[in-house]
């Protein structure tokens, strides 16, 4: 019953973004700072979902791995890893964390959008 009510009234996409502890605050000389994320996407509908992922931030990041469309079967679940790099050429910001928003869209239904806010961290030293 809950699932049907949610499907009628809400966006049928479940999304969470977890920080990848293996790639947190990594500095690579002459390249930049890197952070990793694991994005979990669940399809709460009875129709296939083709999810597109965008990353928004007031800062310029490079996405080091290719983010493709993700096809998720009805009531299915997928996860993927995303690695962001803040280029050294931009200089280290004054703040130790900066905001990052992950936007997951249903390619077949533009009204179905989920946003998850996270952050990019830098070493304190």
PDB file of N, CA and C in Angstrom:
ATOM      1  N   UNK A   1       0.821  -1.192   0.000  1.00  0.00           N
ATOM      2  CA  UNK A   1       0.000   0.000   0.000  1.00  0.00           C
ATOM      3  C   UNK A   1       0.870   1.264   0.000  1.00  0.00           C
ATOM      4  N   UNK A   2       1.877   1.308   0.865  1.00  0.00           N
ATOM      5  CA  UNK A   2       2.761   2.480   0.928  1.00  0.00           C
ATOM      6  C   UNK A   2       3.430   2.725  -0.408  1.00  0.00           C
ATOM      7  N   UNK A   3       3.887   1.648  -1.041  1.00  0.00           N
ATOM      8  CA  UNK A   3       4.583   1.794  -2.314  1.00  0.00           C
ATOM      9  C   UNK A   3       3.677   2.454  -3.354  1.00  0.00           C
ATOM     10  N   UNK A   4       2.429   2.026  -3.437  1.00  0.00           N
ATOM     11  CA  UNK A   4       1.506   2.597  -4.414  1.00  0.00           C
ATOM     12  C   UNK A   4       1.242   4.071  -4.138  1.00  0.00           C
ATOM     13  N   UNK A   5       1.068   4.435  -2.885  1.00  0.00           N
ATOM     14  CA  UNK A   5       0.835   5.838  -2.538  1.00  0.00           C
ATOM     15  C   UNK A   5       2.060   6.664  -2.896  1.00  0.00           C
ATOM     16  N   UNK A   6       3.241   6.173  -2.578  1.00  0.00           N
ATOM     17  CA  UNK A   6       4.470   6.896  -2.892  1.00  0.00           C
ATOM     18  C   UNK A   6       4.610   7.063  -4.401  1.00  0.00           C
ATOM     19  N   UNK A   7       4.314   6.014  -5.126  1.00  0.00           N
ATOM     20  CA  UNK A   7       4.455   6.065  -6.577  1.00  0.00           C
ATOM     21  C   UNK A   7       3.508   7.092  -7.193  1.00  0.00           C
ATOM     22  N   UNK A   8       2.301   7.191  -6.688  1.00  0.00           N
ATOM     23  CA  UNK A   8       1.324   8.134  -7.221  1.00  0.00           C
ATOM     24  C   UNK A   8       1.706   9.568  -6.870  1.00  0.00           C
ATOM     25  N   UNK A   9       2.176   9.805  -5.655  1.00  0.00           N
ATOM     26  CA  UNK A   9       2.410  11.162  -5.181  1.00  0.00           C
ATOM     27  C   UNK A   9       3.859  11.634  -5.310  1.00  0.00           C
ATOM     28  N   UNK A  10       4.807  10.747  -5.386  1.00  0.00           N
ATOM     29  CA  UNK A  10       6.210  11.158  -5.365  1.00  0.00           C
ATOM     30  C   UNK A  10       6.969  10.757  -6.611  1.00  0.00           C
ATOM     31  N   UNK A  11       8.244  10.990  -6.560  1.00  0.00           N
ATOM     32  CA  UNK A  11       9.141  10.616  -7.649  1.00  0.00           C
ATOM     33  C   UNK A  11       9.579   9.170  -7.401  1.00  0.00           C
ATOM     34  N   UNK A  12       9.386   8.281  -8.364  1.00  0.00           N
ATOM     35  CA  UNK A  12       9.687   6.861  -8.136  1.00  0.00           C
ATOM     36  C   UNK A  12      11.168   6.508  -8.286  1.00  0.00           C
ATOM     37  N   UNK A  13      12.024   7.354  -7.725  1.00  0.00           N
ATOM     38  CA  UNK A  13      13.463   7.103  -7.770  1.00  0.00           C
ATOM     39  C   UNK A  13      13.994   7.215  -6.347  1.00  0.00           C
ATOM     40  N   UNK A  14      14.702   6.184  -5.904  1.00  0.00           N
ATOM     41  CA  UNK A  14      15.398   6.243  -4.615  1.00  0.00           C
ATOM     42  C   UNK A  14      16.855   6.556  -4.914  1.00  0.00           C
ATOM     43  N   UNK A  15      17.430   7.498  -4.190  1.00  0.00           N
ATOM     44  CA  UNK A  15      18.824   7.878  -4.430  1.00  0.00           C
ATOM     45  C   UNK A  15      19.535   8.157  -3.117  1.00  0.00           C
ATOM     46  N   UNK A  16      20.758   7.676  -3.014  1.00  0.00           N
ATOM     47  CA  UNK A  16      21.628   8.081  -1.908  1.00  0.00           C
ATOM     48  C   UNK A  16      23.054   8.185  -2.451  1.00  0.00           C
ATOM     49  N   UNK A  17      23.819   9.075  -1.835  1.00  0.00           N
ATOM     50  CA  UNK A  17      25.212   9.271  -2.231  1.00  0.00           C
ATOM     51  C   UNK A  17      26.070   9.059  -0.996  1.00  0.00           C
ATOM     52  N   UNK A  18      26.974   8.105  -1.066  1.00  0.00           N
ATOM     53  CA  UNK A  18      27.883   7.802   0.035  1.00  0.00           C
ATOM     54  C   UNK A  18      29.290   8.217  -0.352  1.00  0.00           C
ATOM     55  N   UNK A  19      30.009   8.749   0.591  1.00  0.00           N
ATOM     56  CA  UNK A  19      31.406   9.115   0.323  1.00  0.00           C
ATOM     57  C   UNK A  19      32.244   7.842   0.323  1.00  0.00           C
ATOM     58  N   UNK A  20      33.072   7.700  -0.671  1.00  0.00           N
ATOM     59  CA  UNK A  20      33.948   6.544  -0.800  1.00  0.00           C
ATOM     60  C   UNK A  20      35.159   6.762   0.104  1.00  0.00           C
ATOM     61  N   UNK A  21      35.269   5.988   1.147  1.00  0.00           N
ATOM     62  CA  UNK A  21      36.338   6.184   2.127  1.00  0.00           C
ATOM     63  C   UNK A  21      37.723   5.851   1.569  1.00  0.00           C
ATOM     64  N   UNK A  22      37.783   5.100   0.481  1.00  0.00           N
ATOM     65  CA  UNK A  22      39.071   4.775  -0.127  1.00  0.00           C
ATOM     66  C   UNK A  22      39.636   5.968  -0.906  1.00  0.00           C
ATOM     67  N   UNK A  23      38.766   6.890  -1.313  1.00  0.00           N
ATOM     68  CA  UNK A  23      39.218   8.036  -2.105  1.00  0.00           C
ATOM     69  C   UNK A  23      38.693   9.308  -1.442  1.00  0.00           C
ATOM     70  N   UNK A  24      39.169   9.601  -0.274  1.00  0.00           N
ATOM     71  CA  UNK A  24      38.773  10.813   0.442  1.00  0.00           C
ATOM     72  C   UNK A  24      40.013  11.646   0.688  1.00  0.00           C
ATOM     73  N   UNK A  25      39.969  12.895   0.281  1.00  0.00           N
ATOM     74  CA  UNK A  25      41.068  13.834   0.530  1.00  0.00           C
ATOM     75  C   UNK A  25      42.395  13.396  -0.072  1.00  0.00           C
ATOM     76  N   UNK A  26      42.378  12.848  -1.234  1.00  0.00           N
ATOM     77  CA  UNK A  26      43.631  12.446  -1.863  1.00  0.00           C
ATOM     78  C   UNK A  26      44.178  13.626  -2.663  1.00  0.00           C
ATOM     79  N   UNK A  27      45.436  13.965  -2.436  1.00  0.00           N
ATOM     80  CA  UNK A  27      46.095  15.016  -3.198  1.00  0.00           C
ATOM     81  C   UNK A  27      47.131  14.376  -4.108  1.00  0.00           C
ATOM     82  N   UNK A  28      47.065  14.704  -5.391  1.00  0.00           N
ATOM     83  CA  UNK A  28      48.020  14.204  -6.365  1.00  0.00           C
ATOM     84  C   UNK A  28      48.757  15.412  -6.934  1.00  0.00           C
ATOM     85  N   UNK A  29      50.073  15.530  -6.660  1.00  0.00           N
ATOM     86  CA  UNK A  29      50.830  16.695  -7.134  1.00  0.00           C
ATOM     87  C   UNK A  29      50.691  16.902  -8.642  1.00  0.00           C
ATOM     88  N   UNK A  30      50.600  18.158  -9.034  1.00  0.00           N
ATOM     89  CA  UNK A  30      50.463  18.591 -10.428  1.00  0.00           C
ATOM     90  C   UNK A  30      49.150  18.134 -11.068  1.00  0.00           C
ATOM     91  N   UNK A  31      48.246  17.626 -10.278  1.00  0.00           N
ATOM     92  CA  UNK A  31      46.946  17.198 -10.788  1.00  0.00           C
ATOM     93  C   UNK A  31      45.832  17.861  -9.986  1.00  0.00           C
ATOM     94  N   UNK A  32      45.711  17.497  -8.708  1.00  0.00           N
ATOM     95  CA  UNK A  32      44.681  18.118  -7.879  1.00  0.00           C
ATOM     96  C   UNK A  32      44.246  17.232  -6.730  1.00  0.00           C
ATOM     97  N   UNK A  33      43.106  17.586  -6.158  1.00  0.00           N
ATOM     98  CA  UNK A  33      42.543  16.860  -5.014  1.00  0.00           C
ATOM     99  C   UNK A  33      41.396  15.999  -5.523  1.00  0.00           C
ATOM    100  N   UNK A  34      41.284  14.798  -4.970  1.00  0.00           N
ATOM    101  CA  UNK A  34      40.251  13.863  -5.416  1.00  0.00           C
ATOM    102  C   UNK A  34      39.402  13.382  -4.254  1.00  0.00           C
ATOM    103  N   UNK A  35      38.132  13.191  -4.554  1.00  0.00           N
ATOM    104  CA  UNK A  35      37.174  12.580  -3.639  1.00  0.00           C
ATOM    105  C   UNK A  35      36.365  11.571  -4.443  1.00  0.00           C
ATOM    106  N   UNK A  36      35.975  10.480  -3.796  1.00  0.00           N
ATOM    107  CA  UNK A  36      35.166   9.462  -4.451  1.00  0.00           C
ATOM    108  C   UNK A  36      33.791   9.368  -3.808  1.00  0.00           C
ATOM    109  N   UNK A  37      32.828   8.958  -4.607  1.00  0.00           N
ATOM    110  CA  UNK A  37      31.442   8.828  -4.159  1.00  0.00           C
ATOM    111  C   UNK A  37      30.851   7.548  -4.727  1.00  0.00           C
ATOM    112  N   UNK A  38      29.941   6.948  -3.981  1.00  0.00           N
ATOM    113  CA  UNK A  38      29.183   5.806  -4.472  1.00  0.00           C
ATOM    114  C   UNK A  38      27.724   6.231  -4.532  1.00  0.00           C
ATOM    115  N   UNK A  39      27.154   6.182  -5.718  1.00  0.00           N
ATOM    116  CA  UNK A  39      25.774   6.610  -5.923  1.00  0.00           C
ATOM    117  C   UNK A  39      24.898   5.364  -6.034  1.00  0.00           C
ATOM    118  N   UNK A  40      23.856   5.324  -5.212  1.00  0.00           N
ATOM    119  CA  UNK A  40      22.901   4.224  -5.217  1.00  0.00           C
ATOM    120  C   UNK A  40      21.590   4.745  -5.797  1.00  0.00           C
ATOM    121  N   UNK A  41      21.061   4.025  -6.791  1.00  0.00           N
ATOM    122  CA  UNK A  41      19.812   4.435  -7.434  1.00  0.00           C
ATOM    123  C   UNK A  41      18.864   3.248  -7.458  1.00  0.00           C
ATOM    124  N   UNK A  42      17.668   3.467  -6.938  1.00  0.00           N
ATOM    125  CA  UNK A  42      16.640   2.436  -6.954  1.00  0.00           C
ATOM    126  C   UNK A  42      15.456   2.888  -7.787  1.00  0.00           C
ATOM    127  N   UNK A  43      14.908   1.963  -8.560  1.00  0.00           N
ATOM    128  CA  UNK A  43      13.731   2.238  -9.375  1.00  0.00           C
ATOM    129  C   UNK A  43      12.519   1.729  -8.609  1.00  0.00           C
ATOM    130  N   UNK A  44      11.686   2.639  -8.133  1.00  0.00           N
ATOM    131  CA  UNK A  44      10.519   2.269  -7.339  1.00  0.00           C
ATOM    132  C   UNK A  44       9.267   2.072  -8.184  1.00  0.00           C
ATOM    133  N   UNK A  45       9.408   2.077  -9.494  1.00  0.00           N
ATOM    134  CA  UNK A  45       8.236   1.959 -10.366  1.00  0.00           C
ATOM    135  C   UNK A  45       8.181   0.573 -11.004  1.00  0.00           C
ATOM    136  N   UNK A  46       7.106   0.371 -11.755  1.00  0.00           N
ATOM    137  CA  UNK A  46       6.924  -0.886 -12.485  1.00  0.00           C
ATOM    138  C   UNK A  46       7.380  -0.755 -13.935  1.00  0.00           C
ATOM    139  N   UNK A  47       7.996   0.381 -14.259  1.00  0.00           N
ATOM    140  CA  UNK A  47       8.503   0.653 -15.600  1.00  0.00           C
ATOM    141  C   UNK A  47      10.029   0.732 -15.556  1.00  0.00           C
ATOM    142  N   UNK A  48      10.723   0.378 -16.646  1.00  0.00           N
ATOM    143  CA  UNK A  48      12.181   0.534 -16.670  1.00  0.00           C
ATOM    144  C   UNK A  48      12.572   2.005 -16.496  1.00  0.00           C
ATOM    145  N   UNK A  49      13.727   2.224 -15.893  1.00  0.00           N
ATOM    146  CA  UNK A  49      14.231   3.575 -15.646  1.00  0.00           C
ATOM    147  C   UNK A  49      15.575   3.734 -16.349  1.00  0.00           C
ATOM    148  N   UNK A  50      15.697   4.808 -17.132  1.00  0.00           N
ATOM    149  CA  UNK A  50      16.976   5.179 -17.705  1.00  0.00           C
ATOM    150  C   UNK A  50      17.413   6.436 -16.978  1.00  0.00           C
ATOM    151  N   UNK A  51      18.368   6.288 -16.069  1.00  0.00           N
ATOM    152  CA  UNK A  51      18.791   7.395 -15.213  1.00  0.00           C
ATOM    153  C   UNK A  51      19.997   8.104 -15.809  1.00  0.00           C
ATOM    154  N   UNK A  52      19.960   9.432 -15.723  1.00  0.00           N
ATOM    155  CA  UNK A  52      21.086  10.279 -16.112  1.00  0.00           C
ATOM    156  C   UNK A  52      21.567  10.992 -14.859  1.00  0.00           C
ATOM    157  N   UNK A  53      22.872  11.168 -14.737  1.00  0.00           N
ATOM    158  CA  UNK A  53      23.437  11.802 -13.547  1.00  0.00           C
ATOM    159  C   UNK A  53      24.175  13.070 -13.949  1.00  0.00           C
ATOM    160  N   UNK A  54      23.887  14.144 -13.217  1.00  0.00           N
ATOM    161  CA  UNK A  54      24.593  15.415 -13.387  1.00  0.00           C
ATOM    162  C   UNK A  54      25.211  15.787 -12.050  1.00  0.00           C
ATOM    163  N   UNK A  55      26.289  16.540 -12.118  1.00  0.00           N
ATOM    164  CA  UNK A  55      26.935  17.028 -10.903  1.00  0.00           C
ATOM    165  C   UNK A  55      26.991  18.546 -11.001  1.00  0.00           C
ATOM    166  N   UNK A  56      26.471  19.205  -9.966  1.00  0.00           N
ATOM    167  CA  UNK A  56      26.471  20.669  -9.939  1.00  0.00           C
ATOM    168  C   UNK A  56      27.209  21.163  -8.710  1.00  0.00           C
ATOM    169  N   UNK A  57      27.941  22.250  -8.896  1.00  0.00           N
ATOM    170  CA  UNK A  57      28.663  22.881  -7.803  1.00  0.00           C
ATOM    171  C   UNK A  57      29.067  24.279  -8.253  1.00  0.00           C
ATOM    172  N   UNK A  58      29.220  25.197  -7.317  1.00  0.00           N
ATOM    173  CA  UNK A  58      29.716  26.524  -7.704  1.00  0.00           C
ATOM    174  C   UNK A  58      31.200  26.495  -8.110  1.00  0.00           C
ATOM    175  N   UNK A  59      31.839  25.358  -7.934  1.00  0.00           N
ATOM    176  CA  UNK A  59      33.252  25.186  -8.286  1.00  0.00           C
ATOM    177  C   UNK A  59      33.363  24.252  -9.481  1.00  0.00           C
ATOM    178  N   UNK A  60      34.495  24.333 -10.177  1.00  0.00           N
ATOM    179  CA  UNK A  60      34.704  23.489 -11.351  1.00  0.00           C
ATOM    180  C   UNK A  60      35.426  22.205 -10.961  1.00  0.00           C
ATOM    181  N   UNK A  61      34.783  21.096 -11.237  1.00  0.00           N
ATOM    182  CA  UNK A  61      35.363  19.783 -10.987  1.00  0.00           C
ATOM    183  C   UNK A  61      35.571  19.063 -12.308  1.00  0.00           C
ATOM    184  N   UNK A  62      36.514  18.141 -12.297  1.00  0.00           N
ATOM    185  CA  UNK A  62      36.654  17.199 -13.405  1.00  0.00           C
ATOM    186  C   UNK A  62      36.090  15.875 -12.923  1.00  0.00           C
ATOM    187  N   UNK A  63      35.317  15.233 -13.769  1.00  0.00           N
ATOM    188  CA  UNK A  63      34.816  13.894 -13.467  1.00  0.00           C
ATOM    189  C   UNK A  63      35.795  12.930 -14.113  1.00  0.00           C
ATOM    190  N   UNK A  64      36.471  12.124 -13.288  1.00  0.00           N
ATOM    191  CA  UNK A  64      37.556  11.288 -13.803  1.00  0.00           C
ATOM    192  C   UNK A  64      37.083   9.991 -14.442  1.00  0.00           C
ATOM    193  N   UNK A  65      35.916   9.530 -14.090  1.00  0.00           N
ATOM    194  CA  UNK A  65      35.403   8.332 -14.742  1.00  0.00           C
ATOM    195  C   UNK A  65      34.134   8.692 -15.507  1.00  0.00           C
ATOM    196  N   UNK A  66      33.891   7.981 -16.571  1.00  0.00           N
ATOM    197  CA  UNK A  66      32.758   8.282 -17.429  1.00  0.00           C
ATOM    198  C   UNK A  66      31.458   7.885 -16.736  1.00  0.00           C
ATOM    199  N   UNK A  67      30.511   8.814 -16.726  1.00  0.00           N
ATOM    200  CA  UNK A  67      29.199   8.529 -16.166  1.00  0.00           C
ATOM    201  C   UNK A  67      28.250   8.300 -17.335  1.00  0.00           C
ATOM    202  N   UNK A  68      27.771   7.085 -17.445  1.00  0.00           N
ATOM    203  CA  UNK A  68      26.877   6.728 -18.534  1.00  0.00           C
ATOM    204  C   UNK A  68      25.439   6.725 -18.034  1.00  0.00           C
ATOM    205  N   UNK A  69      24.532   6.598 -18.969  1.00  0.00           N
ATOM    206  CA  UNK A  69      23.147   6.354 -18.584  1.00  0.00           C
ATOM    207  C   UNK A  69      23.081   4.998 -17.892  1.00  0.00           C
ATOM    208  N   UNK A  70      22.243   4.924 -16.906  1.00  0.00           N
ATOM    209  CA  UNK A  70      22.097   3.675 -16.176  1.00  0.00           C
ATOM    210  C   UNK A  70      20.697   3.146 -16.422  1.00  0.00           C
ATOM    211  N   UNK A  71      20.611   1.944 -16.944  1.00  0.00           N
ATOM    212  CA  UNK A  71      19.321   1.308 -17.169  1.00  0.00           C
ATOM    213  C   UNK A  71      19.010   0.412 -15.983  1.00  0.00           C
ATOM    214  N   UNK A  72      17.868   0.704 -15.337  1.00  0.00           N
ATOM    215  CA  UNK A  72      17.481  -0.041 -14.143  1.00  0.00           C
ATOM    216  C   UNK A  72      16.128  -0.682 -14.407  1.00  0.00           C
ATOM    217  N   UNK A  73      16.052  -1.972 -14.188  1.00  0.00           N
ATOM    218  CA  UNK A  73      14.801  -2.694 -14.423  1.00  0.00           C
ATOM    219  C   UNK A  73      13.749  -2.270 -13.385  1.00  0.00           C
ATOM    220  N   UNK A  74      12.481  -2.558 -13.667  1.00  0.00           N
ATOM    221  CA  UNK A  74      11.437  -2.212 -12.699  1.00  0.00           C
ATOM    222  C   UNK A  74      11.735  -2.809 -11.323  1.00  0.00           C
ATOM    223  N   UNK A  75      11.568  -2.006 -10.303  1.00  0.00           N
ATOM    224  CA  UNK A  75      11.845  -2.370  -8.918  1.00  0.00           C
ATOM    225  C   UNK A  75      13.289  -2.839  -8.724  1.00  0.00           C
ATOM    226  N   UNK A  76      14.197  -2.336  -9.572  1.00  0.00           N
ATOM    227  CA  UNK A  76      15.602  -2.718  -9.523  1.00  0.00           C
ATOM    228  C   UNK A  76      16.448  -1.696  -8.788  1.00  0.00           C
ATOM    229  N   UNK A  77      17.738  -2.013  -8.716  1.00  0.00           N
ATOM    230  CA  UNK A  77      18.679  -1.202  -7.942  1.00  0.00           C
ATOM    231  C   UNK A  77      20.046  -1.291  -8.587  1.00  0.00           C
ATOM    232  N   UNK A  78      20.740  -0.159  -8.692  1.00  0.00           N
ATOM    233  CA  UNK A  78      22.106  -0.124  -9.233  1.00  0.00           C
ATOM    234  C   UNK A  78      22.950   0.837  -8.401  1.00  0.00           C
ATOM    235  N   UNK A  79      24.245   0.641  -8.464  1.00  0.00           N
ATOM    236  CA  UNK A  79      25.158   1.596  -7.834  1.00  0.00           C
ATOM    237  C   UNK A  79      26.349   1.811  -8.747  1.00  0.00           C
ATOM    238  N   UNK A  80      26.946   3.004  -8.631  1.00  0.00           N
ATOM    239  CA  UNK A  80      28.133   3.291  -9.419  1.00  0.00           C
ATOM    240  C   UNK A  80      29.059   4.191  -8.622  1.00  0.00           C
ATOM    241  N   UNK A  81      30.302   4.180  -9.024  1.00  0.00           N
ATOM    242  CA  UNK A  81      31.332   4.968  -8.348  1.00  0.00           C
ATOM    243  C   UNK A  81      31.684   6.160  -9.224  1.00  0.00           C
ATOM    244  N   UNK A  82      31.788   7.325  -8.572  1.00  0.00           N
ATOM    245  CA  UNK A  82      32.148   8.559  -9.268  1.00  0.00           C
ATOM    246  C   UNK A  82      33.357   9.154  -8.559  1.00  0.00           C
ATOM    247  N   UNK A  83      34.360   9.555  -9.331  1.00  0.00           N
ATOM    248  CA  UNK A  83      35.554  10.190  -8.775  1.00  0.00           C
ATOM    249  C   UNK A  83      35.635  11.610  -9.322  1.00  0.00           C
ATOM    250  N   UNK A  84      35.647  12.583  -8.405  1.00  0.00           N
ATOM    251  CA  UNK A  84      35.751  13.988  -8.776  1.00  0.00           C
ATOM    252  C   UNK A  84      37.138  14.509  -8.439  1.00  0.00           C
ATOM    253  N   UNK A  85      37.633  15.399  -9.277  1.00  0.00           N
ATOM    254  CA  UNK A  85      38.922  16.026  -9.018  1.00  0.00           C
ATOM    255  C   UNK A  85      38.774  17.536  -9.089  1.00  0.00           C
ATOM    256  N   UNK A  86      39.309  18.201  -8.081  1.00  0.00           N
ATOM    257  CA  UNK A  86      39.386  19.658  -8.072  1.00  0.00           C
ATOM    258  C   UNK A  86      40.793  20.005  -8.547  1.00  0.00           C
ATOM    259  N   UNK A  87      40.933  20.645  -9.722  1.00  0.00           N
ATOM    260  CA  UNK A  87      42.257  20.875 -10.312  1.00  0.00           C
ATOM    261  C   UNK A  87      43.152  21.778  -9.457  1.00  0.00           C
ATOM    262  N   UNK A  88      44.405  21.402  -9.365  1.00  0.00           N
ATOM    263  CA  UNK A  88      45.386  22.181  -8.608  1.00  0.00           C
ATOM    264  C   UNK A  88      45.567  23.572  -9.221  1.00  0.00           C
ATOM    265  N   UNK A  89      45.355  23.686 -10.525  1.00  0.00           N
ATOM    266  CA  UNK A  89      45.524  24.973 -11.206  1.00  0.00           C
ATOM    267  C   UNK A  89      44.558  26.045 -10.688  1.00  0.00           C
ATOM    268  N   UNK A  90      43.461  25.634 -10.057  1.00  0.00           N
ATOM    269  CA  UNK A  90      42.504  26.588  -9.496  1.00  0.00           C
ATOM    270  C   UNK A  90      42.898  27.039  -8.091  1.00  0.00           C
ATOM    271  N   UNK A  91      43.898  26.394  -7.527  1.00  0.00           N
ATOM    272  CA  UNK A  91      44.321  26.737  -6.169  1.00  0.00           C
ATOM    273  C   UNK A  91      43.378  26.145  -5.140  1.00  0.00           C
ATOM    274  N   UNK A  92      43.919  25.875  -3.968  1.00  0.00           N
ATOM    275  CA  UNK A  92      43.094  25.299  -2.905  1.00  0.00           C
ATOM    276  C   UNK A  92      42.171  26.377  -2.343  1.00  0.00           C
ATOM    277  N   UNK A  93      40.861  26.092  -2.236  1.00  0.00           N
ATOM    278  CA  UNK A  93      39.943  27.085  -1.677  1.00  0.00           C
ATOM    279  C   UNK A  93      40.229  27.358  -0.204  1.00  0.00           C
ATOM    280  N   UNK A  94      39.713  28.468   0.293  1.00  0.00           N
ATOM    281  CA  UNK A  94      39.903  28.806   1.695  1.00  0.00           C
ATOM    282  C   UNK A  94      39.138  27.851   2.609  1.00  0.00           C
ATOM    283  N   UNK A  95      38.039  27.323   2.129  1.00  0.00           N
ATOM    284  CA  UNK A  95      37.234  26.401   2.925  1.00  0.00           C
ATOM    285  C   UNK A  95      37.786  24.984   2.787  1.00  0.00           C
ATOM    286  N   UNK A  96      37.512  24.153   3.807  1.00  0.00           N
ATOM    287  CA  UNK A  96      37.953  22.765   3.754  1.00  0.00           C
ATOM    288  C   UNK A  96      36.903  21.846   3.157  1.00  0.00           C
ATOM    289  N   UNK A  97      35.675  22.347   3.017  1.00  0.00           N
ATOM    290  CA  UNK A  97      34.622  21.587   2.339  1.00  0.00           C
ATOM    291  C   UNK A  97      33.890  22.526   1.382  1.00  0.00           C
ATOM    292  N   UNK A  98      33.496  21.972   0.244  1.00  0.00           N
ATOM    293  CA  UNK A  98      32.707  22.749  -0.708  1.00  0.00           C
ATOM    294  C   UNK A  98      31.523  21.883  -1.164  1.00  0.00           C
ATOM    295  N   UNK A  99      30.382  22.517  -1.447  1.00  0.00           N
ATOM    296  CA  UNK A  99      29.180  21.756  -1.767  1.00  0.00           C
ATOM    297  C   UNK A  99      29.214  21.128  -3.161  1.00  0.00           C
ATOM    298  N   UNK A 100      28.581  19.957  -3.244  1.00  0.00           N
ATOM    299  CA  UNK A 100      28.406  19.240  -4.497  1.00  0.00           C
ATOM    300  C   UNK A 100      26.987  18.687  -4.487  1.00  0.00           C
ATOM    301  N   UNK A 101      26.268  18.845  -5.584  1.00  0.00           N
ATOM    302  CA  UNK A 101      24.914  18.296  -5.683  1.00  0.00           C
ATOM    303  C   UNK A 101      24.877  17.292  -6.821  1.00  0.00           C
ATOM    304  N   UNK A 102      24.370  16.104  -6.518  1.00  0.00           N
ATOM    305  CA  UNK A 102      24.189  15.052  -7.513  1.00  0.00           C
ATOM    306  C   UNK A 102      22.720  15.071  -7.928  1.00  0.00           C
ATOM    307  N   UNK A 103      22.473  15.171  -9.230  1.00  0.00           N
ATOM    308  CA  UNK A 103      21.116  15.223  -9.753  1.00  0.00           C
ATOM    309  C   UNK A 103      20.880  13.984 -10.603  1.00  0.00           C
ATOM    310  N   UNK A 104      19.847  13.224 -10.230  1.00  0.00           N
ATOM    311  CA  UNK A 104      19.490  12.012 -10.959  1.00  0.00           C
ATOM    312  C   UNK A 104      18.168  12.271 -11.652  1.00  0.00           C
ATOM    313  N   UNK A 105      18.151  12.089 -12.975  1.00  0.00           N
ATOM    314  CA  UNK A 105      16.963  12.355 -13.781  1.00  0.00           C
ATOM    315  C   UNK A 105      16.537  11.094 -14.505  1.00  0.00           C
ATOM    316  N   UNK A 106      15.246  10.959 -14.663  1.00  0.00           N
ATOM    317  CA  UNK A 106      14.690   9.896 -15.497  1.00  0.00           C
ATOM    318  C   UNK A 106      14.659  10.432 -16.922  1.00  0.00           C
ATOM    319  N   UNK A 107      15.439   9.830 -17.796  1.00  0.00           N
ATOM    320  CA  UNK A 107      15.545  10.316 -19.179  1.00  0.00           C
ATOM    321  C   UNK A 107      14.191  10.272 -19.894  1.00  0.00           C
ATOM    322  N   UNK A 108      13.364   9.296 -19.547  1.00  0.00           N
ATOM    323  CA  UNK A 108      12.078   9.131 -20.220  1.00  0.00           C
ATOM    324  C   UNK A 108      10.965   9.991 -19.617  1.00  0.00           C
ATOM    325  N   UNK A 109      11.192  10.515 -18.431  1.00  0.00           N
ATOM    326  CA  UNK A 109      10.187  11.358 -17.788  1.00  0.00           C
ATOM    327  C   UNK A 109      10.907  12.502 -17.074  1.00  0.00           C
ATOM    328  N   UNK A 110      11.035  13.665 -17.729  1.00  0.00           N
ATOM    329  CA  UNK A 110      11.818  14.771 -17.166  1.00  0.00           C
ATOM    330  C   UNK A 110      11.270  15.331 -15.843  1.00  0.00           C
ATOM    331  N   UNK A 111      10.050  14.987 -15.477  1.00  0.00           N
ATOM    332  CA  UNK A 111       9.490  15.447 -14.204  1.00  0.00           C
ATOM    333  C   UNK A 111      10.069  14.678 -13.019  1.00  0.00           C
ATOM    334  N   UNK A 112      10.641  13.522 -13.284  1.00  0.00           N
ATOM    335  CA  UNK A 112      11.195  12.689 -12.223  1.00  0.00           C
ATOM    336  C   UNK A 112      12.660  13.041 -12.006  1.00  0.00           C
ATOM    337  N   UNK A 113      12.897  13.874 -10.991  1.00  0.00           N
ATOM    338  CA  UNK A 113      14.249  14.341 -10.675  1.00  0.00           C
ATOM    339  C   UNK A 113      14.478  14.199  -9.178  1.00  0.00           C
ATOM    340  N   UNK A 114      15.647  13.684  -8.812  1.00  0.00           N
ATOM    341  CA  UNK A 114      16.056  13.616  -7.410  1.00  0.00           C
ATOM    342  C   UNK A 114      17.379  14.344  -7.264  1.00  0.00           C
ATOM    343  N   UNK A 115      17.516  15.113  -6.184  1.00  0.00           N
ATOM    344  CA  UNK A 115      18.763  15.812  -5.887  1.00  0.00           C
ATOM    345  C   UNK A 115      19.282  15.348  -4.546  1.00  0.00           C
ATOM    346  N   UNK A 116      20.579  15.086  -4.492  1.00  0.00           N
ATOM    347  CA  UNK A 116      21.224  14.696  -3.237  1.00  0.00           C
ATOM    348  C   UNK A 116      22.420  15.620  -3.042  1.00  0.00           C
ATOM    349  N   UNK A 117      22.448  16.288  -1.909  1.00  0.00           N
ATOM    350  CA  UNK A 117      23.557  17.201  -1.604  1.00  0.00           C
ATOM    351  C   UNK A 117      24.635  16.463  -0.833  1.00  0.00           C
ATOM    352  N   UNK A 118      25.871  16.767  -1.189  1.00  0.00           N
ATOM    353  CA  UNK A 118      27.020  16.183  -0.509  1.00  0.00           C
ATOM    354  C   UNK A 118      28.092  17.266  -0.422  1.00  0.00           C
ATOM    355  N   UNK A 119      29.315  16.855  -0.187  1.00  0.00           N
ATOM    356  CA  UNK A 119      30.401  17.817  -0.073  1.00  0.00           C
ATOM    357  C   UNK A 119      31.699  17.197  -0.549  1.00  0.00           C
ATOM    358  N   UNK A 120      32.614  18.055  -0.943  1.00  0.00           N
ATOM    359  CA  UNK A 120      33.966  17.688  -1.370  1.00  0.00           C
ATOM    360  C   UNK A 120      34.901  18.226  -0.296  1.00  0.00           C
ATOM    361  N   UNK A 121      35.768  17.384   0.230  1.00  0.00           N
ATOM    362  CA  UNK A 121      36.643  17.811   1.319  1.00  0.00           C
ATOM    363  C   UNK A 121      38.103  17.891   0.869  1.00  0.00           C
ATOM    364  N   UNK A 122      38.835  18.742   1.569  1.00  0.00           N
ATOM    365  CA  UNK A 122      40.265  18.917   1.344  1.00  0.00           C
ATOM    366  C   UNK A 122      41.005  18.574   2.622  1.00  0.00           C
ATOM    367  N   UNK A 123      42.265  18.153   2.520  1.00  0.00           N
ATOM    368  CA  UNK A 123      43.051  17.911   3.733  1.00  0.00           C
ATOM    369  C   UNK A 123      43.185  19.195   4.540  1.00  0.00           C
ATOM    370  N   UNK A 124      43.232  19.069   5.847  1.00  0.00           N
ATOM    371  CA  UNK A 124      43.303  20.233   6.724  1.00  0.00           C
ATOM    372  C   UNK A 124      44.680  20.883   6.676  1.00  0.00           C
ATOM    373  N   UNK A 125      45.737  20.126   6.469  1.00  0.00           N
ATOM    374  CA  UNK A 125      47.079  20.714   6.472  1.00  0.00           C
ATOM    375  C   UNK A 125      47.398  21.485   5.220  1.00  0.00           C
TER     376      UNK A 125
END
